[in-house]
């Protein structure tokens, strides 16, 4: 058993050795193939890694492109939002710029007005300084004259004292004469009453009555005796027309003629003669006749300087004006004229103004066409509380203008807004000066008084036409506006309808 096992073991070892040798030979033979296979596996592994990296990059790029589209969409939305906000901000900025431009224009207009006011104030100060210097010279002259007059006054006082007694004596004599006059007048009244009660007259005896030879003057106020006598004389005239006889009336006039009623140097009164008695009813009828100036239509009364007192014409002018004439009757008791008329547009609040205020040079107004150009007109003749007729005429041809007061030419000039056209579409007001369209009034520029027959023409009137308007004749052609075209009366302005100026009160 043991030998068999040993043989088997040795055989097994031999077989193993042989197999190992074969395997080694095969291994030596297969070694290049495995190396190639190993290299291929290594390359395939690297290829897989590169492919995986590429696939990951592609996946990342896809995600990036998706994110980019989303971001582009977000950016587009943000762009639209920014554009809308920019547009809104631009609109707001534009509105602010327009407001600033408007404010700048207002500030410029106000600055020009302030400059004109300062200029007027300087002129007034210069005038006052000149007046003060002249007044000082006058005061010196007056002091000299007073010194000279003092001595003469003292001498006159002494003379007056010496004459006082004589004057008192004369006054007493005059009083005695007046008492005697009153007694004689009473006697004449009683005689008149007796004649009127007991005598019957014929109606045809008036023409045969002899008139008193002396001219009889009107009675003076404050003397009741003369009033009573004049009243009886009128009663005599009426009774004489109804009854009366020539003989008794002649006797009456002879009795009256003997009364010492002439007014001489002594200061005694006289009675009116028969002609004056006959004229009195005719004069009373004449006073009731129609007035001479009957082309005014109506009157506007501006009672005070309230900024609510305004008359508006809206729209003002429908077409552009290269010529115009403005005529009206004016009455004011103020120390300055105030603003009569103001025409404003959106572009300019002083397209046409007859501008007056309390700080201008006394007796002047500014005639403004297209601010800041203006001319100074003298209106001192209008400030006496009476009715006066005025006309302001302008033509863009050579820029000529004329100013008439009571048919007299008081101012004329040229090269004033030559070639200019007053634009249409504005607001025309009376009695106030506009700082904005239809507003911005100042009480220091308000007109206080009355306007009658205000008329505006779209052409330049001739001197003959101005005279015909002022004398009450028919109004010339091409009338643009009258007081009848006023759209509103505000505040305390009162309209009075009066065809004739004499009836406007």
Protein backbone atom coordinates (compact mmCIF):
# COMPACT_ATOMS: atom_id res chain seq x y z
CA UNK A 1 0.00 0.00 0.00
CA UNK A 2 2.74 2.30 0.86
CA UNK A 3 4.66 1.81 -2.37
CA UNK A 4 1.54 2.39 -4.34
CA UNK A 5 0.89 5.54 -2.66
CA UNK A 6 4.45 6.66 -3.25
CA UNK A 7 4.24 5.83 -6.91
CA UNK A 8 0.98 7.51 -7.31
CA UNK A 9 2.36 10.60 -5.55
CA UNK A 10 5.40 10.67 -7.79
CA UNK A 11 3.25 10.28 -10.83
CA UNK A 12 1.00 13.01 -9.67
CA UNK A 13 3.96 15.30 -9.17
CA UNK A 14 5.27 14.50 -12.63
CA UNK A 15 1.94 15.27 -14.16
CA UNK A 16 1.71 18.48 -12.27
CA UNK A 17 5.20 19.42 -13.34
CA UNK A 18 4.37 18.68 -16.91
CA UNK A 19 1.19 20.60 -16.80
CA UNK A 20 2.93 23.52 -15.23
CA UNK A 21 5.55 23.47 -17.94
CA UNK A 22 2.83 23.47 -20.57
CA UNK A 23 1.02 26.22 -18.88
CA UNK A 24 4.22 28.21 -18.69
CA UNK A 25 4.81 27.64 -22.37
CA UNK A 26 1.25 28.65 -23.11
CA UNK A 27 1.61 31.63 -20.85
CA UNK A 28 4.71 32.69 -22.65
CA UNK A 29 2.84 32.24 -25.88
CA UNK A 30 -0.31 34.17 -24.67
CA UNK A 31 1.43 37.10 -22.96
CA UNK A 32 1.35 39.55 -26.00
CA UNK A 33 -2.39 38.90 -26.51
CA UNK A 34 -3.23 39.73 -22.90
CA UNK A 35 -1.14 42.80 -23.05
CA UNK A 36 -3.07 43.95 -26.11
CA UNK A 37 -6.30 42.99 -24.42
CA UNK A 38 -5.25 44.88 -21.33
CA UNK A 39 -4.36 47.91 -23.43
CA UNK A 40 -7.68 47.68 -25.21
CA UNK A 41 -9.48 47.49 -21.89
CA UNK A 42 -7.46 50.46 -20.70
CA UNK A 43 -8.35 52.43 -23.85
CA UNK A 44 -12.00 51.39 -23.57
CA UNK A 45 -12.02 52.50 -19.95
CA UNK A 46 -10.52 55.85 -20.96
CA UNK A 47 -13.02 56.11 -23.81
CA UNK A 48 -15.81 55.48 -21.34
CA UNK A 49 -14.43 58.18 -19.04
CA UNK A 50 -14.11 60.66 -21.93
CA UNK A 51 -17.56 59.75 -23.18
CA UNK A 52 -18.98 60.15 -19.71
CA UNK A 53 -17.26 63.53 -19.38
CA UNK A 54 -18.64 64.58 -22.78
CA UNK A 55 -22.11 63.41 -21.89
CA UNK A 56 -21.93 65.27 -18.62
CA UNK A 57 -20.78 68.38 -20.51
CA UNK A 58 -23.62 68.02 -22.98
CA UNK A 59 -26.08 67.62 -20.14
CA UNK A 60 -24.62 70.66 -18.41
CA UNK A 61 -24.80 72.64 -21.67
CA UNK A 62 -28.45 71.68 -22.09
CA UNK A 63 -29.22 72.81 -18.58
CA UNK A 64 -27.28 76.01 -19.22
CA UNK A 65 -29.23 76.72 -22.45
CA UNK A 66 -32.51 76.12 -20.63
CA UNK A 67 -31.41 78.44 -17.85
CA UNK A 68 -30.27 80.98 -20.44
CA UNK A 69 -33.72 81.03 -22.09
CA UNK A 70 -35.30 81.53 -18.71
CA UNK A 71 -32.87 84.28 -17.95
CA UNK A 72 -33.48 85.84 -21.34
CA UNK A 73 -37.20 85.81 -20.62
CA UNK A 74 -36.60 87.38 -17.23
CA UNK A 75 -34.32 89.96 -18.79
CA UNK A 76 -36.98 90.74 -21.43
CA UNK A 77 -39.61 91.25 -18.74
CA UNK A 78 -37.24 93.43 -16.78
CA UNK A 79 -36.46 95.39 -19.93
CA UNK A 80 -40.16 96.04 -20.58
CA UNK A 81 -40.68 97.08 -16.96
CA UNK A 82 -37.67 99.40 -17.15
CA UNK A 83 -38.92 100.83 -20.46
CA UNK A 84 -42.34 101.52 -18.95
CA UNK A 85 -40.81 103.17 -15.91
CA UNK A 86 -38.52 105.22 -18.17
CA UNK A 87 -41.50 106.33 -20.27
CA UNK A 88 -43.43 107.27 -17.16
CA UNK A 89 -40.44 109.14 -15.78
CA UNK A 90 -40.01 110.92 -19.14
CA UNK A 91 -43.68 111.94 -19.12
CA UNK A 92 -43.36 113.18 -15.54
CA UNK A 93 -40.17 115.05 -16.42
CA UNK A 94 -41.90 116.58 -19.46
CA UNK A 95 -44.81 117.73 -17.30
CA UNK A 96 -42.37 119.17 -14.79
CA UNK A 97 -40.53 120.93 -17.60
CA UNK A 98 -43.79 122.38 -18.93
CA UNK A 99 -44.70 123.57 -15.43
CA UNK A 100 -41.23 125.05 -15.04
CA UNK A 101 -41.55 126.80 -18.39
CA UNK A 102 -44.94 128.21 -17.39
CA UNK A 103 -43.53 129.35 -14.06
CA UNK A 104 -40.54 130.87 -15.84
CA UNK A 105 -42.86 132.79 -18.15
CA UNK A 106 -44.91 134.00 -15.19
CA UNK A 107 -41.75 134.96 -13.32
CA UNK A 108 -40.47 136.81 -16.39
CA UNK A 109 -43.78 138.64 -16.78
CA UNK A 110 -43.86 139.50 -13.11
CA UNK A 111 -40.22 140.63 -13.26
CA UNK A 112 -41.06 142.85 -16.22
CA UNK A 113 -44.02 144.25 -14.30
CA UNK A 114 -41.83 144.79 -11.27
CA UNK A 115 -39.27 146.51 -13.50
CA UNK A 116 -41.96 148.76 -14.92
CA UNK A 117 -43.24 149.49 -11.42
CA UNK A 118 -39.72 150.25 -10.23
CA UNK A 119 -39.19 152.47 -13.25
CA UNK A 120 -42.44 154.27 -12.55
CA UNK A 121 -41.49 154.51 -8.88
CA UNK A 122 -38.09 155.95 -9.79
CA UNK A 123 -39.78 158.43 -12.10
CA UNK A 124 -42.20 159.39 -9.37
CA UNK A 125 -39.31 159.73 -6.91
CA UNK A 126 -37.40 161.89 -9.39
CA UNK A 127 -40.51 163.96 -9.94
CA UNK A 128 -41.06 164.23 -6.20
CA UNK A 129 -37.43 165.22 -5.67
CA UNK A 130 -37.77 167.87 -8.37
CA UNK A 131 -41.05 168.98 -6.85
CA UNK A 132 -39.45 169.05 -3.39
CA UNK A 133 -36.58 171.19 -4.69
CA UNK A 134 -39.06 173.47 -6.43
CA UNK A 135 -41.15 173.56 -3.28
CA UNK A 136 -38.08 174.52 -1.27
CA UNK A 137 -37.39 177.35 -3.69
CA UNK A 138 -41.02 178.36 -3.49
CA UNK A 139 -40.89 178.18 0.30
CA UNK A 140 -37.87 180.45 0.32
CA UNK A 141 -39.65 182.87 -1.99
CA UNK A 142 -42.80 182.60 0.09
CA UNK A 143 -40.86 183.22 3.31
CA UNK A 144 -39.39 186.34 1.73
CA UNK A 145 -42.83 187.39 0.56
CA UNK A 146 -44.28 186.64 3.98
CA UNK A 147 -41.61 188.74 5.60
CA UNK A 148 -42.45 191.56 3.21
CA UNK A 149 -46.18 191.06 3.65
CA UNK A 150 -46.02 191.03 7.43
CA UNK A 151 -45.23 194.69 7.57
CA UNK A 152 -47.90 195.59 5.05
CA UNK A 153 -50.42 193.40 6.91
CA UNK A 154 -49.67 195.20 10.13
CA UNK A 155 -50.28 198.49 8.38
CA UNK A 156 -53.49 197.13 6.86
CA UNK A 157 -54.63 195.91 10.29
CA UNK A 158 -54.22 199.40 11.65
CA UNK A 159 -56.17 200.77 8.70
CA UNK A 160 -58.90 198.16 9.16
CA UNK A 161 -59.23 199.00 12.80
CA UNK A 162 -59.64 202.62 11.90
CA UNK A 163 -62.28 201.73 9.27
CA UNK A 164 -64.17 199.25 11.48
CA UNK A 165 -66.34 201.93 13.08
CA UNK A 166 -67.20 203.36 9.69
CA UNK A 167 -68.12 199.90 8.34
CA UNK A 168 -70.38 199.19 11.32
CA UNK A 169 -72.19 202.47 10.69
CA UNK A 170 -72.69 201.57 7.02
CA UNK A 171 -74.00 198.10 8.01
CA UNK A 172 -76.57 199.67 10.31
CA UNK A 173 -77.71 201.96 7.50
CA UNK A 174 -77.95 198.99 5.13
CA UNK A 175 -80.06 197.06 7.65
CA UNK A 176 -82.44 200.00 7.93
CA UNK A 177 -82.73 200.14 4.14
CA UNK A 178 -83.44 196.37 4.02
CA UNK A 179 -86.20 196.70 6.62
CA UNK A 180 -87.76 199.51 4.62
CA UNK A 181 -87.49 197.33 1.48
CA UNK A 182 -89.31 194.49 3.27
CA UNK A 183 -92.11 196.82 4.31
CA UNK A 184 -92.55 198.04 0.73
CA UNK A 185 -92.55 194.45 -0.56
CA UNK A 186 -95.26 193.51 1.91
CA UNK A 187 -97.33 196.47 0.73
CA UNK A 188 -96.85 195.38 -2.90
CA UNK A 189 -97.96 191.81 -2.05
CA UNK A 190 -101.13 193.11 -0.40
CA UNK A 191 -101.83 195.30 -3.43
CA UNK A 192 -101.33 192.30 -5.77
CA UNK A 193 -103.73 190.20 -3.75
CA UNK A 194 -106.39 192.92 -3.84
CA UNK A 195 -106.04 193.31 -7.60
CA UNK A 196 -106.26 189.56 -8.22
CA UNK A 197 -109.34 189.22 -6.01
CA UNK A 198 -111.48 192.14 -7.30
CA UNK A 199 -110.55 192.64 -10.96
CA UNK A 200 -111.69 190.49 -13.95
CA UNK A 201 -109.35 190.37 -16.97
CA UNK A 202 -109.85 189.69 -20.69
CA UNK A 203 -107.86 186.79 -22.34
CA UNK A 204 -106.56 188.98 -25.16
CA UNK A 205 -104.93 191.54 -22.95
CA UNK A 206 -101.57 189.76 -22.58
CA UNK A 207 -100.06 191.12 -25.76
CA UNK A 208 -100.77 194.66 -24.76
CA UNK A 209 -99.03 194.56 -21.40
CA UNK A 210 -96.03 196.89 -21.26
CA UNK A 211 -92.88 195.21 -19.95
CA UNK A 212 -90.79 196.63 -17.15
CA UNK A 213 -88.04 198.74 -18.66
CA UNK A 214 -85.15 197.47 -16.54
CA UNK A 215 -83.70 193.90 -16.91
CA UNK A 216 -84.76 191.90 -13.87
CA UNK A 217 -82.34 189.38 -12.44
CA UNK A 218 -83.04 186.05 -10.79
CA UNK A 219 -83.56 185.95 -7.07
CA UNK A 220 -80.73 184.94 -4.77
CA UNK A 221 -81.14 181.98 -2.39
CA UNK A 222 -81.70 182.59 1.26
CA UNK A 223 -84.08 185.64 0.85
CA UNK A 224 -87.71 184.58 1.48
CA UNK A 225 -89.21 187.97 0.60
CA UNK A 226 -87.87 187.89 -2.95
CA UNK A 227 -89.01 184.26 -3.35
CA UNK A 228 -92.53 185.22 -2.23
CA UNK A 229 -92.65 188.12 -4.60
CA UNK A 230 -91.38 186.04 -7.50
CA UNK A 231 -94.03 183.45 -6.72
CA UNK A 232 -96.75 186.09 -6.82
CA UNK A 233 -95.36 187.39 -10.11
CA UNK A 234 -95.70 183.92 -11.66
CA UNK A 235 -99.23 183.71 -10.27
CA UNK A 236 -99.97 187.07 -11.86
CA UNK A 237 -98.75 185.77 -15.22
CA UNK A 238 -101.00 182.71 -15.01
CA UNK A 239 -104.05 184.73 -13.96
CA UNK A 240 -103.35 187.20 -16.69
CA UNK A 241 -103.48 184.41 -19.27
CA UNK A 242 -106.82 183.25 -17.94
CA UNK A 243 -108.57 186.54 -17.01
CA UNK A 244 -106.92 189.97 -16.77
CA UNK A 245 -107.72 193.41 -18.29
CA UNK A 246 -105.22 195.69 -19.86
CA UNK A 247 -106.00 198.75 -17.81
CA UNK A 248 -105.79 197.16 -14.38
CA UNK A 249 -102.64 195.24 -15.33
CA UNK A 250 -100.98 198.43 -16.52
CA UNK A 251 -101.89 200.02 -13.22
CA UNK A 252 -100.39 197.04 -11.41
CA UNK A 253 -97.10 197.29 -13.33
CA UNK A 254 -96.96 201.01 -12.67
CA UNK A 255 -97.30 200.33 -8.95
CA UNK A 256 -94.64 197.69 -9.09
CA UNK A 257 -92.34 199.94 -11.09
CA UNK A 258 -92.34 202.43 -8.26
CA UNK A 259 -90.78 199.80 -5.91
CA UNK A 260 -87.02 200.33 -5.43
CA UNK A 261 -86.03 196.78 -6.48
CA UNK A 262 -83.01 197.39 -8.69
CA UNK A 263 -79.79 195.77 -7.60
CA UNK A 264 -77.09 198.36 -7.67
CA UNK A 265 -73.82 198.70 -5.91
CA UNK A 266 -75.68 198.72 -2.58
CA UNK A 267 -76.48 195.01 -3.10
CA UNK A 268 -80.32 195.21 -3.24
CA UNK A 269 -82.21 192.58 -5.27
CA UNK A 270 -84.33 192.87 -8.44
CA UNK A 271 -87.20 190.74 -9.68
CA UNK A 272 -87.31 188.81 -12.98
CA UNK A 273 -89.01 190.60 -15.85
CA UNK A 274 -92.03 189.34 -17.75
CA UNK A 275 -89.92 187.79 -20.56
CA UNK A 276 -88.17 185.56 -18.04
CA UNK A 277 -91.53 184.60 -16.51
CA UNK A 278 -92.83 183.60 -19.96
CA UNK A 279 -89.63 181.65 -20.72
CA UNK A 280 -89.71 179.56 -17.54
CA UNK A 281 -92.30 177.01 -18.79
CA UNK A 282 -90.38 176.72 -22.08
CA UNK A 283 -87.12 176.07 -20.22
CA UNK A 284 -88.78 173.43 -18.05
CA UNK A 285 -90.08 171.72 -21.21
CA UNK A 286 -86.64 171.94 -22.84
CA UNK A 287 -85.06 170.25 -19.83
CA UNK A 288 -87.40 167.28 -20.36
CA UNK A 289 -86.45 166.82 -24.02
CA UNK A 290 -84.26 163.97 -25.23
CA UNK A 291 -80.51 164.41 -24.70
CA UNK A 292 -78.07 165.30 -27.45
CA UNK A 293 -75.71 162.25 -27.18
CA UNK A 294 -77.91 159.22 -27.77
CA UNK A 295 -75.58 156.49 -29.06
CA UNK A 296 -74.31 154.97 -25.78
CA UNK A 297 -76.84 152.16 -25.28
CA UNK A 298 -75.90 151.31 -21.67
CA UNK A 299 -73.57 152.17 -18.80
CA UNK A 300 -71.47 150.01 -16.44
CA UNK A 301 -70.81 151.18 -12.88
CA UNK A 302 -67.75 149.88 -11.00
CA UNK A 303 -68.37 151.03 -7.39
CA UNK A 304 -65.10 150.05 -5.65
CA UNK A 305 -61.67 148.39 -6.06
CA UNK A 306 -62.85 144.85 -5.28
CA UNK A 307 -61.19 142.21 -7.49
CA UNK A 308 -64.62 140.63 -7.95
CA UNK A 309 -65.85 143.62 -9.98
CA UNK A 310 -65.20 142.47 -13.56
CA UNK A 311 -67.05 142.33 -16.88
CA UNK A 312 -66.05 139.45 -19.17
CA UNK A 313 -66.22 138.99 -22.96
CA UNK A 314 -65.55 135.33 -23.82
CA UNK A 315 -64.39 134.73 -26.45
CA UNK A 316 -62.78 138.12 -26.85
CA UNK A 317 -61.72 138.44 -30.52
CA UNK A 318 -62.64 135.78 -33.10
CA UNK A 319 -60.05 136.92 -35.66
CA UNK A 320 -56.60 138.44 -35.51
CA UNK A 321 -56.44 142.25 -35.42
CA UNK A 322 -53.93 144.45 -37.22
CA UNK A 323 -55.97 147.60 -36.55
CA UNK A 324 -58.43 148.56 -33.84
CA UNK A 325 -60.24 151.52 -32.30
CA UNK A 326 -61.61 151.65 -28.74
CA UNK A 327 -63.97 154.49 -27.82
CA UNK A 328 -65.93 155.00 -24.59
CA UNK A 329 -67.37 157.58 -22.23
CA UNK A 330 -65.54 157.60 -18.88
CA UNK A 331 -66.45 159.15 -15.55
CA UNK A 332 -64.34 158.69 -12.41
CA UNK A 333 -63.69 160.61 -9.21
CA UNK A 334 -60.59 158.59 -8.32
CA UNK A 335 -57.10 160.06 -8.24
CA UNK A 336 -55.99 157.51 -10.87
CA UNK A 337 -57.80 155.93 -13.80
CA UNK A 338 -57.28 152.20 -13.19
CA UNK A 339 -57.35 149.44 -15.81
CA UNK A 340 -60.15 149.94 -18.33
CA UNK A 341 -59.56 146.92 -20.57
CA UNK A 342 -57.41 143.76 -20.57
CA UNK A 343 -57.12 141.06 -23.27
CA UNK A 344 -55.17 137.88 -22.43
CA UNK A 345 -54.35 134.65 -24.27
CA UNK A 346 -52.66 131.44 -23.15
CA UNK A 347 -49.39 132.66 -24.63
CA UNK A 348 -49.39 136.13 -23.06
CA UNK A 349 -51.62 137.83 -20.48
CA UNK A 350 -50.91 141.32 -21.87
CA UNK A 351 -51.84 141.13 -25.54
CA UNK A 352 -53.95 144.32 -25.27
CA UNK A 353 -54.24 146.39 -22.09
CA UNK A 354 -55.29 149.92 -21.13
CA UNK A 355 -53.43 149.52 -17.86
CA UNK A 356 -53.67 151.89 -14.92
CA UNK A 357 -52.79 151.53 -11.26
CA UNK A 358 -52.30 153.68 -8.17
CA UNK A 359 -48.48 153.62 -8.39
CA UNK A 360 -48.10 155.01 -11.92
CA UNK A 361 -47.16 158.59 -12.64
CA UNK A 362 -50.16 160.80 -11.85
CA UNK A 363 -52.56 161.26 -14.74
CA UNK A 364 -51.15 158.47 -16.96
CA UNK A 365 -52.03 154.96 -18.13
CA UNK A 366 -50.06 152.39 -20.15
CA UNK A 367 -51.31 151.38 -23.59
CA UNK A 368 -49.91 147.83 -23.94
CA UNK A 369 -49.90 145.70 -27.10
CA UNK A 370 -47.99 142.41 -26.90
CA UNK A 371 -46.17 142.73 -23.58
CA UNK A 372 -43.65 144.24 -22.82
CA UNK A 373 -44.15 146.98 -25.42
CA UNK A 374 -46.28 149.91 -24.18
CA UNK A 375 -46.85 153.65 -24.59
CA UNK A 376 -47.77 156.14 -21.87
CA UNK A 377 -51.01 158.09 -22.42
CA UNK A 378 -52.02 161.28 -20.52
CA UNK A 379 -55.42 160.94 -18.80
CA UNK A 380 -55.31 163.78 -16.28
CA UNK A 381 -58.25 165.46 -18.03
CA UNK A 382 -60.47 162.47 -17.15
CA UNK A 383 -59.99 162.68 -13.36
CA UNK A 384 -62.51 165.42 -12.52
CA UNK A 385 -65.63 163.31 -11.89
CA UNK A 386 -67.36 164.35 -15.13
CA UNK A 387 -68.19 162.52 -18.35
CA UNK A 388 -65.39 162.56 -20.93
CA UNK A 389 -65.13 160.83 -24.28
CA UNK A 390 -61.88 159.02 -25.11
CA UNK A 391 -60.70 157.04 -28.14
CA UNK A 392 -57.56 154.89 -28.46
CA UNK A 393 -56.66 153.95 -32.06
CA UNK A 394 -53.81 151.71 -33.28
CA UNK A 395 -52.64 150.43 -36.67
CA UNK A 396 -49.87 147.90 -37.31
CA UNK A 397 -49.05 149.79 -40.50
CA UNK A 398 -45.99 151.79 -39.40
CA UNK A 399 -47.14 151.15 -35.83
CA UNK A 400 -49.09 154.41 -35.55
CA UNK A 401 -51.42 155.21 -32.64
CA UNK A 402 -53.70 158.14 -31.71
CA UNK A 403 -55.32 159.13 -28.40
CA UNK A 404 -58.35 161.47 -28.36
CA UNK A 405 -60.03 163.08 -25.34
CA UNK A 406 -63.26 164.99 -26.00
CA UNK A 407 -62.53 165.04 -29.76
CA UNK A 408 -59.07 166.59 -29.18
CA UNK A 409 -55.91 164.72 -30.18
CA UNK A 410 -53.75 164.63 -27.03
CA UNK A 411 -51.17 161.94 -27.99
CA UNK A 412 -49.81 160.47 -31.21
CA UNK A 413 -46.89 158.21 -32.10
CA UNK A 414 -45.50 155.63 -34.53
CA UNK A 415 -43.33 152.48 -34.64
CA UNK A 416 -45.40 150.92 -31.89
CA UNK A 417 -45.70 147.16 -32.56
CA UNK A 418 -45.26 147.72 -36.30
CA UNK A 419 -46.49 144.70 -38.31
CA UNK A 420 -47.87 143.00 -35.19
CA UNK A 421 -51.17 141.08 -35.09
CA UNK A 422 -53.27 140.70 -31.94
CA UNK A 423 -54.16 136.98 -31.90
CA UNK A 424 -57.74 135.65 -31.51
CA UNK A 425 -59.16 133.23 -28.94
CA UNK A 426 -58.37 135.12 -25.73
CA UNK A 427 -60.51 136.54 -22.92
CA UNK A 428 -61.40 140.25 -22.79
CA UNK A 429 -62.31 141.82 -19.44
CA UNK A 430 -63.24 145.34 -18.31
CA UNK A 431 -62.25 146.91 -15.00
CA UNK A 432 -59.38 144.55 -14.08
CA UNK A 433 -55.88 143.58 -15.32
CA UNK A 434 -55.32 139.86 -15.97
CA UNK A 435 -52.18 138.09 -14.79
CA UNK A 436 -53.65 134.81 -16.06
CA UNK A 437 -56.49 134.13 -18.48
CA UNK A 438 -59.60 135.35 -16.68
CA UNK A 439 -57.89 135.81 -13.29
CA UNK A 440 -54.91 137.04 -11.30
CA UNK A 441 -56.54 140.40 -10.50
CA UNK A 442 -55.02 143.09 -8.24
CA UNK A 443 -57.15 145.66 -6.40
CA UNK A 444 -54.52 148.37 -6.97
CA UNK A 445 -55.15 148.05 -10.73
CA UNK A 446 -58.96 148.02 -10.58
CA UNK A 447 -61.08 150.71 -12.25
CA UNK A 448 -63.52 152.69 -10.11
CA UNK A 449 -66.13 154.76 -11.94
CA UNK A 450 -68.53 154.45 -14.89
CA UNK A 451 -68.14 153.40 -18.53
CA UNK A 452 -70.79 154.21 -21.12
CA UNK A 453 -71.09 153.33 -24.80
CA UNK A 454 -67.83 151.35 -25.00
CA UNK A 455 -67.33 150.19 -28.60
CA UNK A 456 -64.46 148.38 -30.36
CA UNK A 457 -63.86 148.54 -34.14
CA UNK A 458 -61.52 146.34 -36.19
CA UNK A 459 -60.16 149.33 -38.09
CA UNK A 460 -58.66 152.75 -37.41
CA UNK A 461 -61.30 155.49 -37.19
CA UNK A 462 -60.74 158.82 -38.90
CA UNK A 463 -60.77 162.11 -36.92
CA UNK A 464 -64.19 162.93 -38.40
CA UNK A 465 -65.58 159.59 -37.24
CA UNK A 466 -64.17 160.14 -33.74
CA UNK A 467 -65.87 163.54 -33.66
CA UNK A 468 -69.19 162.09 -34.86
CA UNK A 469 -69.11 159.40 -32.13
CA UNK A 470 -68.30 161.99 -29.45
CA UNK A 471 -71.16 164.26 -30.58
CA UNK A 472 -73.78 161.50 -30.45
CA UNK A 473 -74.16 160.68 -34.14
CA UNK A 474 -74.55 157.17 -35.59
CA UNK A 475 -71.71 154.74 -34.88
CA UNK A 476 -69.35 154.06 -37.83
CA UNK A 477 -69.25 150.69 -39.61
CA UNK A 478 -67.21 147.56 -38.78
CA UNK A 479 -68.17 147.37 -35.09
CA UNK A 480 -66.44 144.45 -33.39
CA UNK A 481 -67.74 144.61 -29.80
CA UNK A 482 -70.07 146.71 -27.64
CA UNK A 483 -71.23 146.46 -24.04
CA UNK A 484 -74.16 144.38 -25.28
CA UNK A 485 -71.70 141.54 -26.09
CA UNK A 486 -70.57 141.13 -22.45
CA UNK A 487 -70.97 137.48 -21.40
CA UNK A 488 -70.97 138.07 -17.62
CA UNK A 489 -71.03 140.82 -14.97
CA UNK A 490 -69.46 139.77 -11.66
CA UNK A 491 -69.09 141.29 -8.23
CA UNK A 492 -70.85 144.60 -7.60
CA UNK A 493 -70.81 145.82 -11.21
CA UNK A 494 -74.16 147.32 -12.20
CA UNK A 495 -75.51 147.78 -15.73
CA UNK A 496 -77.76 150.78 -16.42
CA UNK A 497 -79.63 150.93 -19.72
CA UNK A 498 -79.59 154.51 -20.96
CA UNK A 499 -79.82 155.40 -24.64
CA UNK A 500 -78.65 158.98 -24.08
CA UNK A 501 -75.62 159.97 -22.05
CA UNK A 502 -77.59 162.70 -20.29
CA UNK A 503 -79.82 159.99 -18.78
CA UNK A 504 -76.87 157.93 -17.47
CA UNK A 505 -76.42 158.79 -13.81
